[in-house]
Amino acid sequence: MLSRVADALFWMSRYLERSEHIARLLDVYFHLELDLHGVMGGAHELQWTSLATILQQRVPATRTDGRPAHAALTDLLTFDAENPGSILSSVTRARANARSIRGRINATVWKELNKLYWQISDPATIAQARESPHEFFQAVERGSHLVQGVCDATLTHDEGWQFIQLGKYIERADKTLRILDVQYHLLHGLTDHTDPSLSNLQWAGVLRSCQAFEAYQKLYVGRVEPERVVEFLLLHAHFPRSVRFALEAVSSALQTIEGTGPGGKADRILGRVLGDLRYGEIGEILAGDLHVFLTGLLDRCSRASLVVQDQYSLR
C-alpha cells in the first residue's frame, strides 16, 4: 500500500475518534457542571481544569465580556478552527484526509463523514449549540459511530482497513489513559472529604467519559467504586473502550499489516505493555503509584505510535 494512502486512512480514523472523545467529555462535564454547581463550592472548577489537562489544553482566562473560563474553554474545544484540538478542527482534518483518497474509500463512508462536517459547520447549528450544546455533542458522537460502522460494514477488511483500526484504537487508548490518570488523581483527593453520593456522581462521570457507565453497571451492581472503575477501564479484556482492549486491537492490526514475519519494534513495545495489562492485578497496581504506572503506559504507547508512523511514513 502507498504510504500516502495509509497515512490518510490512519489520520482520518484518528481525528474522527478524537472528535468523538472531545464531544463526549464536554457533554459529560456540561452535565456535571449543572449537578455540582452550588453544591461543592469551587470544586466543580477543578473539573474543568482536569478536562483541559486531559485534552492538553490551557484553560482560557475569564473573558472581558464576563463569561466564565469554562465557557471559553468549551468554545475553544468545540468551534475554534485555529485550535488543532477542537471538534471542528478534528472533523475538518478527518474529512480532508478522506477527500484525498476518495478512491480508496466508498461513497457511503465519504457521504457520512462529509455530512457530519457540514452539520457541525452550519452557522445555525453553532449558534444553537452555544445556547444548548448537548444535542451538538450527541450529533458528533452519532456521526463518528456512523462513519466507523460504515467502515466496518462496507469496506474490505484489507490492509487499508487495518490502518483505520490503528488510528482509531491508538487514539482511544491514549484518551482512556489520560482520563484515568487525571481523574483518579483529582477525585482520589476529594473522595475522603466528599459526600458519598457526590463521589458516586463524579466517578460515574469518569465512566460516562469513556461510554462505560452501563457496561460497568451490568458487571458491578451498586455504588461506583473508584478501584473497580480503574480496573474496568484499564484491564477489562472485552469492553471495547478499555485500554487493554484498545491495545489488543492495535497489536492485532499491526500483526496483520506486518504479516507472518518477526514483529517490529512497535509490536515488541506493545507486547510488553499488554503483558502488564493481561497479567496485572488491580490491587498490586493501586498499591504502587498509579500515576507512575499510567504515565509509563502512556509513554510506551506514544513511542509505539511514533514507531508505527515512522515505519509506514505516517506524518
C-alpha atoms as a PDB file:
ATOM      1  CA  MET A   1       0.000   0.000   0.000  1.00  0.00           C
ATOM      2  CA  LEU A   2       1.210   3.520  -0.805  1.00  0.00           C
ATOM      3  CA  SER A   3       2.321   5.342   2.332  1.00  0.00           C
ATOM      4  CA  ARG A   4       0.191   8.336   1.250  1.00  0.00           C
ATOM      5  CA  VAL A   5      -2.957   6.185   1.348  1.00  0.00           C
ATOM      6  CA  ALA A   6      -2.033   4.506   4.636  1.00  0.00           C
ATOM      7  CA  ASP A   7      -1.306   7.933   6.127  1.00  0.00           C
ATOM      8  CA  ALA A   8      -4.685   9.347   5.086  1.00  0.00           C
ATOM      9  CA  LEU A   9      -6.634   6.327   6.371  1.00  0.00           C
ATOM     10  CA  PHE A  10      -4.763   6.351   9.696  1.00  0.00           C
ATOM     11  CA  TRP A  11      -5.319  10.058  10.347  1.00  0.00           C
ATOM     12  CA  MET A  12      -8.879  10.109   9.037  1.00  0.00           C
ATOM     13  CA  SER A  13      -9.734   7.495  11.653  1.00  0.00           C
ATOM     14  CA  ARG A  14      -7.657   9.030  14.443  1.00  0.00           C
ATOM     15  CA  TYR A  15      -9.057  12.552  14.017  1.00  0.00           C
ATOM     16  CA  LEU A  16     -12.608  11.209  13.887  1.00  0.00           C
ATOM     17  CA  GLU A  17     -12.079   9.233  17.099  1.00  0.00           C
ATOM     18  CA  ARG A  18     -10.562  12.341  18.680  1.00  0.00           C
ATOM     19  CA  SER A  19     -13.584  14.472  17.804  1.00  0.00           C
ATOM     20  CA  GLU A  20     -15.857  11.886  19.414  1.00  0.00           C
ATOM     21  CA  HIS A  21     -13.827  11.859  22.632  1.00  0.00           C
ATOM     22  CA  ILE A  22     -13.790  15.650  22.881  1.00  0.00           C
ATOM     23  CA  ALA A  23     -17.557  15.814  22.315  1.00  0.00           C
ATOM     24  CA  ARG A  24     -18.291  13.153  24.921  1.00  0.00           C
ATOM     25  CA  LEU A  25     -16.001  14.726  27.510  1.00  0.00           C
ATOM     26  CA  LEU A  26     -17.560  18.155  27.004  1.00  0.00           C
ATOM     27  CA  ASP A  27     -21.057  16.698  27.232  1.00  0.00           C
ATOM     28  CA  VAL A  28     -20.242  14.850  30.472  1.00  0.00           C
ATOM     29  CA  TYR A  29     -18.624  17.921  32.002  1.00  0.00           C
ATOM     30  CA  PHE A  30     -21.511  20.127  30.895  1.00  0.00           C
ATOM     31  CA  HIS A  31     -23.927  17.937  32.872  1.00  0.00           C
ATOM     32  CA  LEU A  32     -21.544  17.639  35.841  1.00  0.00           C
ATOM     33  CA  GLU A  33     -21.406  21.427  35.939  1.00  0.00           C
ATOM     34  CA  LEU A  34     -25.187  21.527  36.275  1.00  0.00           C
ATOM     35  CA  ASP A  35     -25.155  18.865  39.004  1.00  0.00           C
ATOM     36  CA  LEU A  36     -22.224  20.225  41.030  1.00  0.00           C
ATOM     37  CA  HIS A  37     -22.673  23.977  40.697  1.00  0.00           C
ATOM     38  CA  GLY A  38     -23.556  25.462  44.073  1.00  0.00           C
ATOM     39  CA  VAL A  39     -23.119  22.115  45.844  1.00  0.00           C
ATOM     40  CA  MET A  40     -19.351  21.760  46.148  1.00  0.00           C
ATOM     41  CA  GLY A  41     -18.218  25.369  46.196  1.00  0.00           C
ATOM     42  CA  GLY A  42     -15.237  25.780  43.859  1.00  0.00           C
ATOM     43  CA  ALA A  43     -14.640  22.056  43.428  1.00  0.00           C
ATOM     44  CA  HIS A  44     -16.560  21.959  40.153  1.00  0.00           C
ATOM     45  CA  GLU A  45     -13.992  24.379  38.684  1.00  0.00           C
ATOM     46  CA  LEU A  46     -11.372  21.684  39.235  1.00  0.00           C
ATOM     47  CA  GLN A  47     -13.363  19.504  36.852  1.00  0.00           C
ATOM     48  CA  TRP A  48     -12.795  21.970  34.004  1.00  0.00           C
ATOM     49  CA  THR A  49      -9.106  22.239  34.833  1.00  0.00           C
ATOM     50  CA  SER A  50      -8.872  18.456  34.692  1.00  0.00           C
ATOM     51  CA  LEU A  51     -10.666  18.441  31.322  1.00  0.00           C
ATOM     52  CA  ALA A  52      -8.112  20.880  29.923  1.00  0.00           C
ATOM     53  CA  THR A  53      -5.314  18.657  31.255  1.00  0.00           C
ATOM     54  CA  ILE A  54      -6.798  15.515  29.687  1.00  0.00           C
ATOM     55  CA  LEU A  55      -7.046  17.245  26.300  1.00  0.00           C
ATOM     56  CA  GLN A  56      -3.702  19.015  26.712  1.00  0.00           C
ATOM     57  CA  GLN A  57      -5.230  22.468  26.547  1.00  0.00           C
ATOM     58  CA  ARG A  58      -4.870  25.579  28.668  1.00  0.00           C
ATOM     59  CA  VAL A  59      -7.945  26.942  30.464  1.00  0.00           C
ATOM     60  CA  PRO A  60      -8.600  30.418  28.996  1.00  0.00           C
ATOM     61  CA  ALA A  61      -8.742  33.334  31.402  1.00  0.00           C
ATOM     62  CA  THR A  62     -12.144  34.842  32.148  1.00  0.00           C
ATOM     63  CA  ARG A  63     -13.143  36.937  29.145  1.00  0.00           C
ATOM     64  CA  THR A  64     -13.744  40.653  29.278  1.00  0.00           C
ATOM     65  CA  ASP A  65     -17.395  40.019  28.411  1.00  0.00           C
ATOM     66  CA  GLY A  66     -17.806  38.358  31.804  1.00  0.00           C
ATOM     67  CA  ARG A  67     -18.214  34.799  30.546  1.00  0.00           C
ATOM     68  CA  PRO A  68     -16.682  32.197  32.898  1.00  0.00           C
ATOM     69  CA  ALA A  69     -13.494  30.375  31.967  1.00  0.00           C
ATOM     70  CA  HIS A  70     -15.285  27.067  31.350  1.00  0.00           C
ATOM     71  CA  ALA A  71     -17.493  28.711  28.696  1.00  0.00           C
ATOM     72  CA  ALA A  72     -14.382  29.993  26.938  1.00  0.00           C
ATOM     73  CA  LEU A  73     -12.814  26.518  27.182  1.00  0.00           C
ATOM     74  CA  THR A  74     -15.930  24.944  25.667  1.00  0.00           C
ATOM     75  CA  ASP A  75     -15.768  27.382  22.741  1.00  0.00           C
ATOM     76  CA  LEU A  76     -12.054  26.688  22.290  1.00  0.00           C
ATOM     77  CA  LEU A  77     -12.602  22.919  22.229  1.00  0.00           C
ATOM     78  CA  THR A  78     -15.720  22.974  20.082  1.00  0.00           C
ATOM     79  CA  PHE A  79     -15.729  25.679  17.407  1.00  0.00           C
ATOM     80  CA  ASP A  80     -12.223  27.170  17.262  1.00  0.00           C
ATOM     81  CA  ALA A  81     -10.923  26.304  13.794  1.00  0.00           C
ATOM     82  CA  GLU A  82      -7.471  27.609  14.747  1.00  0.00           C
ATOM     83  CA  ASN A  83      -7.200  25.161  17.646  1.00  0.00           C
ATOM     84  CA  PRO A  84      -5.979  21.765  16.367  1.00  0.00           C
ATOM     85  CA  GLY A  85      -7.540  20.185  19.460  1.00  0.00           C
ATOM     86  CA  SER A  86     -11.118  21.310  18.752  1.00  0.00           C
ATOM     87  CA  ILE A  87     -14.018  19.228  17.470  1.00  0.00           C
ATOM     88  CA  LEU A  88     -14.333  21.373  14.346  1.00  0.00           C
ATOM     89  CA  SER A  89     -10.607  21.073  13.545  1.00  0.00           C
ATOM     90  CA  SER A  90     -10.598  17.316  14.141  1.00  0.00           C
ATOM     91  CA  VAL A  91     -13.586  16.640  11.885  1.00  0.00           C
ATOM     92  CA  THR A  92     -12.204  19.029   9.255  1.00  0.00           C
ATOM     93  CA  ARG A  93      -8.890  17.160   9.225  1.00  0.00           C
ATOM     94  CA  ALA A  94     -10.615  13.767   9.116  1.00  0.00           C
ATOM     95  CA  ARG A  95     -12.635  14.966   6.108  1.00  0.00           C
ATOM     96  CA  ALA A  96      -9.556  16.393   4.355  1.00  0.00           C
ATOM     97  CA  ASN A  97      -7.753  13.062   4.695  1.00  0.00           C
ATOM     98  CA  ALA A  98     -10.786  11.153   3.415  1.00  0.00           C
ATOM     99  CA  ARG A  99     -11.145  13.541   0.490  1.00  0.00           C
ATOM    100  CA  SER A 100      -7.540  12.933  -0.577  1.00  0.00           C
ATOM    101  CA  ILE A 101      -8.198   9.193  -1.001  1.00  0.00           C
ATOM    102  CA  ARG A 102     -11.805   9.023  -2.146  1.00  0.00           C
ATOM    103  CA  GLY A 103     -10.854   6.226  -4.494  1.00  0.00           C
ATOM    104  CA  ARG A 104      -9.810   4.043  -1.542  1.00  0.00           C
ATOM    105  CA  ILE A 105     -12.981   4.543   0.496  1.00  0.00           C
ATOM    106  CA  ASN A 106     -16.508   4.105  -0.810  1.00  0.00           C
ATOM    107  CA  ALA A 107     -19.253   6.651  -1.406  1.00  0.00           C
ATOM    108  CA  THR A 108     -21.113   5.772   1.800  1.00  0.00           C
ATOM    109  CA  VAL A 109     -18.114   6.410   4.061  1.00  0.00           C
ATOM    110  CA  TRP A 110     -17.465   9.733   2.331  1.00  0.00           C
ATOM    111  CA  LYS A 111     -21.144  10.703   2.488  1.00  0.00           C
ATOM    112  CA  GLU A 112     -21.425  10.165   6.254  1.00  0.00           C
ATOM    113  CA  LEU A 113     -18.172  11.962   7.062  1.00  0.00           C
ATOM    114  CA  ASN A 114     -18.990  14.839   4.726  1.00  0.00           C
ATOM    115  CA  LYS A 115     -22.485  15.110   6.231  1.00  0.00           C
ATOM    116  CA  LEU A 116     -21.024  15.337   9.739  1.00  0.00           C
ATOM    117  CA  TYR A 117     -18.626  18.085   8.643  1.00  0.00           C
ATOM    118  CA  TRP A 118     -21.350  20.242   7.081  1.00  0.00           C
ATOM    119  CA  GLN A 119     -23.680  19.643  10.012  1.00  0.00           C
ATOM    120  CA  ILE A 120     -21.244  20.924  12.632  1.00  0.00           C
ATOM    121  CA  SER A 121     -20.038  23.771  10.376  1.00  0.00           C
ATOM    122  CA  ASP A 122     -23.538  25.181   9.878  1.00  0.00           C
ATOM    123  CA  PRO A 123     -23.805  28.673  11.484  1.00  0.00           C
ATOM    124  CA  ALA A 124     -27.338  27.998  12.729  1.00  0.00           C
ATOM    125  CA  THR A 125     -26.200  24.768  14.373  1.00  0.00           C
ATOM    126  CA  ILE A 126     -23.261  26.544  16.015  1.00  0.00           C
ATOM    127  CA  ALA A 127     -25.493  29.336  17.323  1.00  0.00           C
ATOM    128  CA  GLN A 128     -27.924  26.827  18.794  1.00  0.00           C
ATOM    129  CA  ALA A 129     -25.086  24.748  20.274  1.00  0.00           C
ATOM    130  CA  ARG A 130     -23.737  27.761  22.163  1.00  0.00           C
ATOM    131  CA  GLU A 131     -27.091  28.009  23.940  1.00  0.00           C
ATOM    132  CA  SER A 132     -27.700  24.298  24.446  1.00  0.00           C
ATOM    133  CA  PRO A 133     -24.681  22.153  23.496  1.00  0.00           C
ATOM    134  CA  HIS A 134     -25.963  18.681  24.397  1.00  0.00           C
ATOM    135  CA  GLU A 135     -27.568  17.952  21.015  1.00  0.00           C
ATOM    136  CA  PHE A 136     -24.455  19.179  19.213  1.00  0.00           C
ATOM    137  CA  PHE A 137     -22.186  16.846  21.188  1.00  0.00           C
ATOM    138  CA  GLN A 138     -24.591  13.966  20.623  1.00  0.00           C
ATOM    139  CA  ALA A 139     -24.575  14.668  16.879  1.00  0.00           C
ATOM    140  CA  VAL A 140     -20.775  14.450  16.801  1.00  0.00           C
ATOM    141  CA  GLU A 141     -20.821  11.132  18.653  1.00  0.00           C
ATOM    142  CA  ARG A 142     -23.532   9.721  16.382  1.00  0.00           C
ATOM    143  CA  GLY A 143     -21.675  10.916  13.291  1.00  0.00           C
ATOM    144  CA  SER A 144     -18.466   9.243  14.432  1.00  0.00           C
ATOM    145  CA  HIS A 145     -20.298   5.994  15.179  1.00  0.00           C
ATOM    146  CA  LEU A 146     -21.965   6.093  11.758  1.00  0.00           C
ATOM    147  CA  VAL A 147     -18.673   6.541   9.905  1.00  0.00           C
ATOM    148  CA  GLN A 148     -16.949   3.836  11.939  1.00  0.00           C
ATOM    149  CA  GLY A 149     -19.891   1.475  11.454  1.00  0.00           C
ATOM    150  CA  VAL A 150     -19.995   2.061   7.706  1.00  0.00           C
ATOM    151  CA  CYS A 151     -16.232   1.451   7.500  1.00  0.00           C
ATOM    152  CA  ASP A 152     -16.620  -1.872   9.304  1.00  0.00           C
ATOM    153  CA  ALA A 153     -19.717  -2.930   7.360  1.00  0.00           C
ATOM    154  CA  THR A 154     -18.849  -1.876   3.801  1.00  0.00           C
ATOM    155  CA  LEU A 155     -15.062  -1.691   3.381  1.00  0.00           C
ATOM    156  CA  THR A 156     -12.969  -4.739   2.604  1.00  0.00           C
ATOM    157  CA  HIS A 157     -11.073  -5.691   5.738  1.00  0.00           C
ATOM    158  CA  ASP A 158      -7.738  -5.477   3.974  1.00  0.00           C
ATOM    159  CA  GLU A 159      -4.532  -3.631   4.818  1.00  0.00           C
ATOM    160  CA  GLY A 160      -6.206  -0.239   4.405  1.00  0.00           C
ATOM    161  CA  TRP A 161      -8.918  -1.145   6.911  1.00  0.00           C
ATOM    162  CA  GLN A 162      -6.202  -2.218   9.351  1.00  0.00           C
ATOM    163  CA  PHE A 163      -4.718   1.290   9.209  1.00  0.00           C
ATOM    164  CA  ILE A 164      -8.158   2.641  10.073  1.00  0.00           C
ATOM    165  CA  GLN A 165      -8.156   0.365  13.116  1.00  0.00           C
ATOM    166  CA  LEU A 166      -4.678   1.529  14.083  1.00  0.00           C
ATOM    167  CA  GLY A 167      -5.694   5.177  14.100  1.00  0.00           C
ATOM    168  CA  LYS A 168      -8.919   4.574  15.997  1.00  0.00           C
ATOM    169  CA  TYR A 169      -7.536   2.384  18.748  1.00  0.00           C
ATOM    170  CA  ILE A 170      -4.273   4.276  19.305  1.00  0.00           C
ATOM    171  CA  GLU A 171      -6.325   7.419  19.893  1.00  0.00           C
ATOM    172  CA  ARG A 172      -8.800   5.561  22.109  1.00  0.00           C
ATOM    173  CA  ALA A 173      -6.110   4.044  24.331  1.00  0.00           C
ATOM    174  CA  ASP A 174      -4.430   7.428  24.701  1.00  0.00           C
ATOM    175  CA  LYS A 175      -7.621   9.208  25.784  1.00  0.00           C
ATOM    176  CA  THR A 176      -8.711   6.498  28.222  1.00  0.00           C
ATOM    177  CA  LEU A 177      -5.283   6.534  29.872  1.00  0.00           C
ATOM    178  CA  ARG A 178      -5.331  10.329  30.190  1.00  0.00           C
ATOM    179  CA  ILE A 179      -8.847  10.308  31.651  1.00  0.00           C
ATOM    180  CA  LEU A 180      -7.860   7.697  34.246  1.00  0.00           C
ATOM    181  CA  ASP A 181      -4.615   9.432  35.170  1.00  0.00           C
ATOM    182  CA  VAL A 182      -6.049  12.927  35.601  1.00  0.00           C
ATOM    183  CA  GLN A 183      -9.383  11.989  37.151  1.00  0.00           C
ATOM    184  CA  TYR A 184      -8.057   9.422  39.621  1.00  0.00           C
ATOM    185  CA  HIS A 185      -5.565  11.963  40.935  1.00  0.00           C
ATOM    186  CA  LEU A 186      -8.251  14.645  41.254  1.00  0.00           C
ATOM    187  CA  LEU A 187     -11.084  12.553  42.675  1.00  0.00           C
ATOM    188  CA  HIS A 188      -8.986  10.373  44.966  1.00  0.00           C
ATOM    189  CA  GLY A 189      -8.023  13.520  46.829  1.00  0.00           C
ATOM    190  CA  LEU A 190     -11.646  14.634  47.112  1.00  0.00           C
ATOM    191  CA  THR A 191     -13.265  11.296  47.962  1.00  0.00           C
ATOM    192  CA  ASP A 192     -12.441  11.324  51.673  1.00  0.00           C
ATOM    193  CA  HIS A 193     -13.937  14.810  52.093  1.00  0.00           C
ATOM    194  CA  THR A 194     -16.959  14.449  49.833  1.00  0.00           C
ATOM    195  CA  ASP A 195     -20.490  13.193  50.398  1.00  0.00           C
ATOM    196  CA  PRO A 196     -20.683   9.586  49.095  1.00  0.00           C
ATOM    197  CA  SER A 197     -23.500  10.461  46.685  1.00  0.00           C
ATOM    198  CA  LEU A 198     -21.404  13.239  45.139  1.00  0.00           C
ATOM    199  CA  SER A 199     -18.367  10.984  44.919  1.00  0.00           C
ATOM    200  CA  ASN A 200     -20.557   8.409  43.193  1.00  0.00           C
ATOM    201  CA  LEU A 201     -21.757  11.084  40.749  1.00  0.00           C
ATOM    202  CA  GLN A 202     -18.202  12.123  39.896  1.00  0.00           C
ATOM    203  CA  TRP A 203     -16.929   8.585  39.375  1.00  0.00           C
ATOM    204  CA  ALA A 204     -19.985   7.844  37.250  1.00  0.00           C
ATOM    205  CA  GLY A 205     -18.854  10.843  35.184  1.00  0.00           C
ATOM    206  CA  VAL A 206     -15.484   9.156  34.643  1.00  0.00           C
ATOM    207  CA  LEU A 207     -17.278   6.085  33.303  1.00  0.00           C
ATOM    208  CA  ARG A 208     -19.538   8.179  31.079  1.00  0.00           C
ATOM    209  CA  SER A 209     -16.460   9.954  29.716  1.00  0.00           C
ATOM    210  CA  CYS A 210     -15.464   6.556  28.303  1.00  0.00           C
ATOM    211  CA  GLN A 211     -19.028   5.496  27.379  1.00  0.00           C
ATOM    212  CA  ALA A 212     -18.693   2.804  30.017  1.00  0.00           C
ATOM    213  CA  PHE A 213     -21.347   3.515  32.651  1.00  0.00           C
ATOM    214  CA  GLU A 214     -23.970   0.984  31.542  1.00  0.00           C
ATOM    215  CA  ALA A 215     -21.421  -1.749  30.841  1.00  0.00           C
ATOM    216  CA  TYR A 216     -19.906  -1.180  34.295  1.00  0.00           C
ATOM    217  CA  GLN A 217     -23.332  -1.302  35.983  1.00  0.00           C
ATOM    218  CA  LYS A 218     -24.105  -4.658  34.356  1.00  0.00           C
ATOM    219  CA  LEU A 219     -20.917  -6.061  35.838  1.00  0.00           C
ATOM    220  CA  TYR A 220     -20.945  -4.276  39.215  1.00  0.00           C
ATOM    221  CA  VAL A 221     -24.404  -3.510  40.524  1.00  0.00           C
ATOM    222  CA  GLY A 222     -24.469  -0.770  43.152  1.00  0.00           C
ATOM    223  CA  ARG A 223     -22.195   2.085  44.102  1.00  0.00           C
ATOM    224  CA  VAL A 224     -19.492   3.160  41.695  1.00  0.00           C
ATOM    225  CA  GLU A 225     -16.208   2.207  43.380  1.00  0.00           C
ATOM    226  CA  PRO A 226     -13.019   4.012  42.267  1.00  0.00           C
ATOM    227  CA  GLU A 227     -10.897   0.834  42.332  1.00  0.00           C
ATOM    228  CA  ARG A 228     -13.411  -1.038  40.202  1.00  0.00           C
ATOM    229  CA  VAL A 229     -13.653   1.876  37.752  1.00  0.00           C
ATOM    230  CA  VAL A 230      -9.882   1.840  37.269  1.00  0.00           C
ATOM    231  CA  GLU A 231      -9.853  -1.944  36.859  1.00  0.00           C
ATOM    232  CA  PHE A 232     -12.726  -1.885  34.351  1.00  0.00           C
ATOM    233  CA  LEU A 233     -11.296   0.887  32.170  1.00  0.00           C
ATOM    234  CA  LEU A 234      -7.741  -0.361  32.350  1.00  0.00           C
ATOM    235  CA  LEU A 235      -7.789  -4.165  32.418  1.00  0.00           C
ATOM    236  CA  HIS A 236     -11.126  -5.452  31.081  1.00  0.00           C
ATOM    237  CA  ALA A 237     -10.468  -7.804  28.186  1.00  0.00           C
ATOM    238  CA  HIS A 238     -13.805  -7.455  26.366  1.00  0.00           C
ATOM    239  CA  PHE A 239     -15.002  -3.887  26.873  1.00  0.00           C
ATOM    240  CA  PRO A 240     -14.152  -2.041  23.621  1.00  0.00           C
ATOM    241  CA  ARG A 241     -13.073   1.179  25.331  1.00  0.00           C
ATOM    242  CA  SER A 242     -10.755  -0.281  27.924  1.00  0.00           C
ATOM    243  CA  VAL A 243      -7.038   0.321  27.495  1.00  0.00           C
ATOM    244  CA  ARG A 244      -6.334  -3.396  27.244  1.00  0.00           C
ATOM    245  CA  PHE A 245      -8.960  -3.972  24.549  1.00  0.00           C
ATOM    246  CA  ALA A 246      -7.762  -0.984  22.514  1.00  0.00           C
ATOM    247  CA  LEU A 247      -4.119  -2.038  22.633  1.00  0.00           C
ATOM    248  CA  GLU A 248      -5.035  -5.648  21.783  1.00  0.00           C
ATOM    249  CA  ALA A 249      -6.749  -4.239  18.671  1.00  0.00           C
ATOM    250  CA  VAL A 250      -3.688  -2.124  17.806  1.00  0.00           C
ATOM    251  CA  SER A 251      -1.428  -5.166  18.186  1.00  0.00           C
ATOM    252  CA  SER A 252      -3.742  -7.312  16.044  1.00  0.00           C
ATOM    253  CA  ALA A 253      -3.850  -4.697  13.274  1.00  0.00           C
ATOM    254  CA  LEU A 254      -0.056  -4.366  13.300  1.00  0.00           C
ATOM    255  CA  GLN A 255       0.436  -8.115  13.104  1.00  0.00           C
ATOM    256  CA  THR A 256      -1.928  -8.328  10.131  1.00  0.00           C
ATOM    257  CA  ILE A 257      -0.136  -5.494   8.317  1.00  0.00           C
ATOM    258  CA  GLU A 258       3.324  -6.912   9.020  1.00  0.00           C
ATOM    259  CA  GLY A 259       2.373 -10.453   8.025  1.00  0.00           C
ATOM    260  CA  THR A 260       3.877 -13.648   9.412  1.00  0.00           C
ATOM    261  CA  GLY A 261       7.430 -12.369   9.813  1.00  0.00           C
ATOM    262  CA  PRO A 262       9.021 -11.348  13.109  1.00  0.00           C
ATOM    263  CA  GLY A 263       7.280  -8.462  14.825  1.00  0.00           C
ATOM    264  CA  GLY A 264       8.726  -4.982  14.532  1.00  0.00           C
ATOM    265  CA  LYS A 265       9.780  -2.588  17.262  1.00  0.00           C
ATOM    266  CA  ALA A 266       6.260  -1.227  17.801  1.00  0.00           C
ATOM    267  CA  ASP A 267       4.875  -4.729  18.217  1.00  0.00           C
ATOM    268  CA  ARG A 268       7.551  -5.541  20.810  1.00  0.00           C
ATOM    269  CA  ILE A 269       6.746  -2.362  22.787  1.00  0.00           C
ATOM    270  CA  LEU A 270       3.040  -3.197  22.699  1.00  0.00           C
ATOM    271  CA  GLY A 271       3.743  -6.796  23.687  1.00  0.00           C
ATOM    272  CA  ARG A 272       5.412  -5.662  26.895  1.00  0.00           C
ATOM    273  CA  VAL A 273       2.566  -3.245  27.658  1.00  0.00           C
ATOM    274  CA  LEU A 274      -0.039  -5.923  27.036  1.00  0.00           C
ATOM    275  CA  GLY A 275       1.843  -8.317  29.305  1.00  0.00           C
ATOM    276  CA  ASP A 276       1.417  -5.811  32.144  1.00  0.00           C
ATOM    277  CA  LEU A 277      -2.296  -5.439  31.379  1.00  0.00           C
ATOM    278  CA  ARG A 278      -3.107  -9.113  30.811  1.00  0.00           C
ATOM    279  CA  TYR A 279      -1.439 -10.360  33.959  1.00  0.00           C
ATOM    280  CA  GLY A 280      -1.592  -7.295  36.200  1.00  0.00           C
ATOM    281  CA  GLU A 281      -3.666  -7.351  39.396  1.00  0.00           C
ATOM    282  CA  ILE A 282      -5.528  -4.172  40.259  1.00  0.00           C
ATOM    283  CA  GLY A 283      -4.577  -4.471  43.923  1.00  0.00           C
ATOM    284  CA  GLU A 284      -0.875  -4.515  43.062  1.00  0.00           C
ATOM    285  CA  ILE A 285      -1.259  -1.640  40.609  1.00  0.00           C
ATOM    286  CA  LEU A 286      -3.088   0.561  43.124  1.00  0.00           C
ATOM    287  CA  ALA A 287      -0.688  -0.388  45.925  1.00  0.00           C
ATOM    288  CA  GLY A 288       2.036   1.320  43.938  1.00  0.00           C
ATOM    289  CA  ASP A 289       1.971   4.758  42.340  1.00  0.00           C
ATOM    290  CA  LEU A 290      -0.904   4.698  39.843  1.00  0.00           C
ATOM    291  CA  HIS A 291       0.224   7.953  38.238  1.00  0.00           C
ATOM    292  CA  VAL A 292       3.672   6.491  37.510  1.00  0.00           C
ATOM    293  CA  PHE A 293       2.085   3.300  36.151  1.00  0.00           C
ATOM    294  CA  LEU A 294      -0.325   5.162  33.850  1.00  0.00           C
ATOM    295  CA  THR A 295       2.209   7.696  32.599  1.00  0.00           C
ATOM    296  CA  GLY A 296       4.560   4.803  31.896  1.00  0.00           C
ATOM    297  CA  LEU A 297       1.858   3.172  29.781  1.00  0.00           C
ATOM    298  CA  LEU A 298       1.199   6.491  28.018  1.00  0.00           C
ATOM    299  CA  ASP A 299       4.880   6.916  27.246  1.00  0.00           C
ATOM    300  CA  ARG A 300       5.229   3.422  25.807  1.00  0.00           C
ATOM    301  CA  CYS A 301       2.031   3.766  23.769  1.00  0.00           C
ATOM    302  CA  SER A 302       3.280   7.079  22.425  1.00  0.00           C
ATOM    303  CA  ARG A 303       6.615   5.506  21.473  1.00  0.00           C
ATOM    304  CA  ALA A 304       4.843   2.627  19.733  1.00  0.00           C
ATOM    305  CA  SER A 305       2.671   5.099  17.810  1.00  0.00           C
ATOM    306  CA  LEU A 306       5.700   7.127  16.714  1.00  0.00           C
ATOM    307  CA  VAL A 307       7.495   3.955  15.581  1.00  0.00           C
ATOM    308  CA  VAL A 308       4.453   2.947  13.512  1.00  0.00           C
ATOM    309  CA  GLN A 309       4.216   6.426  11.990  1.00  0.00           C
ATOM    310  CA  ASP A 310       7.922   6.400  11.120  1.00  0.00           C
ATOM    311  CA  GLN A 311       7.864   2.845   9.772  1.00  0.00           C
ATOM    312  CA  TYR A 312       4.935   3.500   7.440  1.00  0.00           C
ATOM    313  CA  SER A 313       5.697   7.191   6.733  1.00  0.00           C
ATOM    314  CA  LEU A 314       2.598   8.394   8.570  1.00  0.00           C
ATOM    315  CA  ARG A 315       3.163  12.097   9.195  1.00  0.00           C
END
